[in-house]
Amino acid sequence: MKKSTLTLWLTLFCYIANAQTEFYYFRGQQIPLTVDRSRVHIIINDEGNESQDLLFQNFGVEVDNSRQTQGMAKLKFQFEPTIQEYSEIVSFLRQSQEIRHVFPFFERVGAEPIGTSDIFYVRLKEIKDSTILKKVAERHNAEIIRQIPYMPEWYVLSILNSTFSNSIEASNYFFETGYFQAVDPAFMFNFRPSCANDADFSQQWGLQNTTNLLARMSSSVPM
């Protein structure tokens, strides 16, 4: 009886530990992730709302306007919260009527933290598997935004209005179904527009490679 109880507790402990582990898939391997608790990305429902500004002021948050695009902003906390405080902050922000979604940042060794958004990418095993992609997406209300030009196996999806809380969770789920060749959680690298006059250059995720988009998505260095 004692042995059975011990086995049950060990199984439960392992389940909880695994459930709390964060990672993403890189070439089929699980790469560990550590949440950066000093900032988050948000999508704002109504920019310029006075109550929204008051909310941020009372909450001790600074809006980084340089990252604001199509309603998205980076909130940098004035202090780094504990794990519990971070969880409470995220929960509080998600309950705000002015905020549509909250996305985490993740730490990188020797580099700036890397952000996430509502977007992620999925690569089909075969072009005909688009019907499978549609079924899996519909199952969780994920939106298929578009097929990437000149890369017919790759699709852009969004988690807005879906059952997923962030792009890491979504891309991991799609990969673990076994139906798809690869996924990309669309980490938001802090590219600086130093070689173009395009105001949206830093948002062009495919322009920082040496060959093409597929090279960027299949050979980016794991964190």
Protein backbone atom coordinates (compact mmCIF):
# COMPACT_ATOMS: atom_id res chain seq x y z
CA MET A 1 0.00 0.00 0.00
CA LYS A 2 2.81 2.45 0.92
CA LYS A 3 4.62 1.58 -2.30
CA SER A 4 1.51 2.29 -4.35
CA THR A 5 1.01 5.63 -2.57
CA LEU A 6 4.65 6.61 -3.16
CA THR A 7 4.36 5.71 -6.84
CA LEU A 8 1.20 7.80 -7.13
CA TRP A 9 2.86 10.86 -5.55
CA LEU A 10 5.94 10.52 -7.76
CA THR A 11 3.73 10.28 -10.84
CA LEU A 12 1.76 13.36 -9.75
CA PHE A 13 4.98 15.30 -9.03
CA CYS A 14 6.40 14.46 -12.46
CA TYR A 15 3.15 15.51 -14.11
CA ILE A 16 3.14 18.88 -12.35
CA ALA A 17 6.84 19.47 -13.11
CA ASN A 18 6.34 18.71 -16.79
CA ALA A 19 3.23 20.87 -16.95
CA GLN A 20 5.25 23.84 -15.70
CA THR A 21 8.12 23.31 -18.12
CA GLU A 22 8.19 25.80 -21.00
CA PHE A 23 9.88 24.99 -24.29
CA TYR A 24 9.56 25.33 -28.04
CA TYR A 25 10.39 22.96 -30.88
CA PHE A 26 13.52 23.56 -32.94
CA ARG A 27 14.19 20.93 -35.63
CA GLY A 28 12.03 18.51 -33.71
CA GLN A 29 13.87 19.00 -30.41
CA GLN A 30 12.48 20.64 -27.28
CA ILE A 31 14.42 23.81 -26.44
CA PRO A 32 13.86 25.09 -22.86
CA LEU A 33 12.51 28.60 -22.36
CA THR A 34 12.67 30.94 -19.38
CA VAL A 35 10.04 33.65 -19.10
CA ASP A 36 11.39 37.19 -18.85
CA ARG A 37 9.27 38.73 -16.11
CA SER A 38 10.35 42.33 -16.75
CA ARG A 39 8.02 42.95 -19.70
CA VAL A 40 5.11 41.68 -21.79
CA HIS A 41 3.58 42.38 -25.18
CA ILE A 42 -0.06 43.41 -25.30
CA ILE A 43 -2.62 44.07 -28.01
CA ILE A 44 -4.72 47.11 -27.16
CA ASN A 45 -8.42 47.25 -27.98
CA ASP A 46 -8.75 51.02 -28.05
CA GLU A 47 -5.55 53.06 -28.35
CA GLY A 48 -5.56 56.47 -26.72
CA ASN A 49 -8.27 55.55 -24.22
CA GLU A 50 -7.91 57.71 -21.08
CA SER A 51 -8.91 54.89 -18.75
CA GLN A 52 -6.26 52.73 -20.42
CA ASP A 53 -3.58 55.34 -19.66
CA LEU A 54 -4.80 55.60 -16.09
CA LEU A 55 -4.67 51.82 -15.75
CA PHE A 56 -1.02 51.70 -16.85
CA GLN A 57 -0.04 54.61 -14.57
CA ASN A 58 -1.65 53.02 -11.54
CA PHE A 59 -0.08 49.69 -12.35
CA GLY A 60 3.48 51.01 -12.63
CA VAL A 61 3.95 50.18 -16.30
CA GLU A 62 5.76 52.04 -19.07
CA VAL A 63 4.60 51.81 -22.68
CA ASP A 64 7.45 51.40 -25.17
CA ASN A 65 6.03 53.22 -28.20
CA SER A 66 8.89 52.07 -30.43
CA ARG A 67 7.35 48.58 -30.47
CA GLN A 68 3.78 49.72 -30.97
CA THR A 69 2.31 48.46 -34.22
CA GLN A 70 -1.29 47.71 -35.14
CA GLY A 71 -2.39 47.99 -31.53
CA MET A 72 0.59 46.14 -30.07
CA ALA A 73 2.80 47.61 -27.35
CA LYS A 74 5.59 46.41 -25.10
CA LEU A 75 5.00 47.04 -21.41
CA LYS A 76 8.20 47.35 -19.37
CA PHE A 77 7.66 47.00 -15.64
CA GLN A 78 9.40 49.46 -13.34
CA PHE A 79 10.54 46.52 -11.21
CA GLU A 80 10.98 42.82 -11.93
CA PRO A 81 8.14 40.99 -10.21
CA THR A 82 8.39 37.63 -8.49
CA ILE A 83 6.88 34.60 -10.21
CA GLN A 84 3.66 35.04 -8.23
CA GLU A 85 3.52 38.79 -8.85
CA TYR A 86 4.14 38.24 -12.57
CA SER A 87 1.27 35.76 -12.72
CA GLU A 88 -1.00 38.23 -10.94
CA ILE A 89 0.04 41.06 -13.27
CA VAL A 90 -0.66 39.01 -16.39
CA SER A 91 -4.01 37.90 -14.98
CA PHE A 92 -4.89 41.51 -14.14
CA LEU A 93 -3.96 42.76 -17.61
CA ARG A 94 -5.96 39.99 -19.30
CA GLN A 95 -9.04 41.02 -17.35
CA SER A 96 -8.77 44.64 -18.48
CA GLN A 97 -11.35 45.68 -21.07
CA GLU A 98 -8.74 47.83 -22.83
CA ILE A 99 -6.39 44.90 -23.44
CA ARG A 100 -7.24 42.20 -25.93
CA HIS A 101 -4.30 39.85 -25.35
CA VAL A 102 -1.07 39.48 -23.35
CA PHE A 103 2.03 37.72 -24.69
CA PRO A 104 5.22 36.73 -22.82
CA PHE A 105 8.87 37.58 -23.44
CA PHE A 106 11.63 34.99 -22.98
CA GLU A 107 15.20 35.35 -21.79
CA ARG A 108 18.21 34.95 -24.10
CA VAL A 109 21.80 34.47 -22.97
CA GLY A 110 23.86 37.57 -23.76
CA ALA A 111 21.07 39.23 -25.71
CA GLU A 112 17.88 41.21 -25.32
CA PRO A 113 14.78 39.22 -24.29
CA ILE A 114 12.74 38.01 -27.23
CA GLY A 115 9.01 38.66 -27.57
CA THR A 116 6.02 36.78 -28.92
CA SER A 117 2.72 37.82 -30.44
CA ASP A 118 -0.46 36.21 -31.71
CA ILE A 119 1.28 34.92 -34.84
CA PHE A 120 2.94 31.53 -35.45
CA TYR A 121 3.90 29.44 -38.51
CA VAL A 122 3.18 25.88 -39.55
CA ARG A 123 4.84 23.88 -42.33
CA LEU A 124 2.83 21.13 -44.00
CA LYS A 125 4.35 17.76 -44.86
CA GLU A 126 2.62 17.96 -48.24
CA ILE A 127 0.67 20.75 -49.91
CA LYS A 128 -2.49 18.62 -49.86
CA ASP A 129 -2.32 18.60 -46.05
CA SER A 130 -3.89 22.06 -46.02
CA THR A 131 -7.22 20.35 -45.32
CA ILE A 132 -5.71 18.81 -42.16
CA LEU A 133 -4.37 22.20 -41.13
CA LYS A 134 -7.84 23.69 -41.52
CA LYS A 135 -9.44 20.99 -39.37
CA VAL A 136 -6.86 21.30 -36.57
CA ALA A 137 -7.11 25.09 -36.63
CA GLU A 138 -10.90 25.02 -36.49
CA ARG A 139 -10.77 22.63 -33.53
CA HIS A 140 -9.17 25.37 -31.43
CA ASN A 141 -10.51 28.47 -33.24
CA ALA A 142 -7.03 29.37 -34.53
CA GLU A 143 -7.22 31.57 -37.63
CA ILE A 144 -5.30 30.71 -40.80
CA ILE A 145 -4.09 34.13 -41.95
CA ARG A 146 -2.48 33.18 -45.26
CA GLN A 147 -0.17 30.89 -47.17
CA ILE A 148 3.34 32.34 -47.46
CA PRO A 149 4.13 33.35 -51.08
CA TYR A 150 6.65 31.13 -52.88
CA MET A 151 6.65 28.75 -49.89
CA PRO A 152 3.45 26.74 -50.43
CA GLU A 153 3.99 24.42 -47.44
CA TRP A 154 4.20 27.30 -44.93
CA TYR A 155 1.15 29.00 -43.40
CA VAL A 156 0.73 31.96 -41.04
CA LEU A 157 -1.79 31.48 -38.22
CA SER A 158 -3.11 33.64 -35.38
CA ILE A 159 -4.22 32.64 -31.89
CA LEU A 160 -6.54 35.62 -31.37
CA ASN A 161 -9.97 34.29 -30.32
CA SER A 162 -8.50 30.78 -30.03
CA THR A 163 -8.15 28.46 -27.04
CA PHE A 164 -4.38 29.05 -26.94
CA SER A 165 -2.83 31.55 -24.52
CA ASN A 166 0.28 32.29 -26.61
CA SER A 167 2.10 31.33 -29.82
CA ILE A 168 4.45 28.91 -28.00
CA GLU A 169 1.55 26.83 -26.72
CA ALA A 170 -0.11 26.89 -30.14
CA SER A 171 2.95 25.97 -32.21
CA ASN A 172 3.88 23.18 -29.77
CA TYR A 173 0.39 21.74 -30.02
CA PHE A 174 0.39 21.77 -33.82
CA PHE A 175 3.80 20.05 -33.91
CA GLU A 176 2.81 17.41 -31.37
CA THR A 177 -0.18 16.34 -33.45
CA GLY A 178 2.34 14.73 -35.81
CA TYR A 179 0.47 16.03 -38.83
CA PHE A 180 2.96 18.76 -39.74
CA GLN A 181 6.59 18.98 -40.83
CA ALA A 182 7.67 21.91 -38.68
CA VAL A 183 6.48 24.92 -36.70
CA ASP A 184 7.86 28.35 -35.85
CA PRO A 185 6.52 30.38 -32.87
CA ALA A 186 7.49 33.62 -34.66
CA PHE A 187 9.76 35.09 -32.01
CA MET A 188 9.95 38.86 -32.41
CA PHE A 189 13.64 39.67 -32.85
CA ASN A 190 14.57 43.28 -32.15
CA PHE A 191 15.89 44.08 -35.63
CA ARG A 192 16.89 47.71 -36.14
CA PRO A 193 16.10 49.37 -39.48
CA SER A 194 19.63 50.52 -40.30
CA CYS A 195 19.68 49.75 -44.01
CA ALA A 196 16.24 50.82 -45.20
CA ASN A 197 13.84 53.75 -44.97
CA ASP A 198 10.86 51.45 -44.51
CA ALA A 199 9.19 52.30 -41.19
CA ASP A 200 8.00 48.69 -40.91
CA PHE A 201 11.40 47.15 -41.70
CA SER A 202 11.88 45.83 -38.16
CA GLN A 203 8.65 43.84 -38.49
CA GLN A 204 9.72 42.03 -41.67
CA TRP A 205 10.75 38.69 -40.18
CA GLY A 206 11.99 37.30 -43.50
CA LEU A 207 14.52 40.03 -44.33
CA GLN A 208 17.26 39.13 -41.84
CA ASN A 209 18.43 35.90 -43.49
CA THR A 210 21.18 35.11 -45.96
CA THR A 211 19.23 33.12 -48.53
CA ASN A 212 15.46 32.99 -48.17
CA LEU A 213 12.57 32.70 -45.73
CA LEU A 214 12.95 28.96 -45.35
CA ALA A 215 16.56 29.42 -44.24
CA ARG A 216 15.38 31.82 -41.53
CA MET A 217 12.75 29.41 -40.26
CA SER A 218 14.82 26.24 -40.37
CA SER A 219 18.23 27.41 -39.17
CA SER A 220 17.69 30.10 -36.53
CA VAL A 221 19.90 29.62 -33.50
CA PRO A 222 18.05 28.16 -30.48
CA MET A 223 18.09 30.29 -27.35
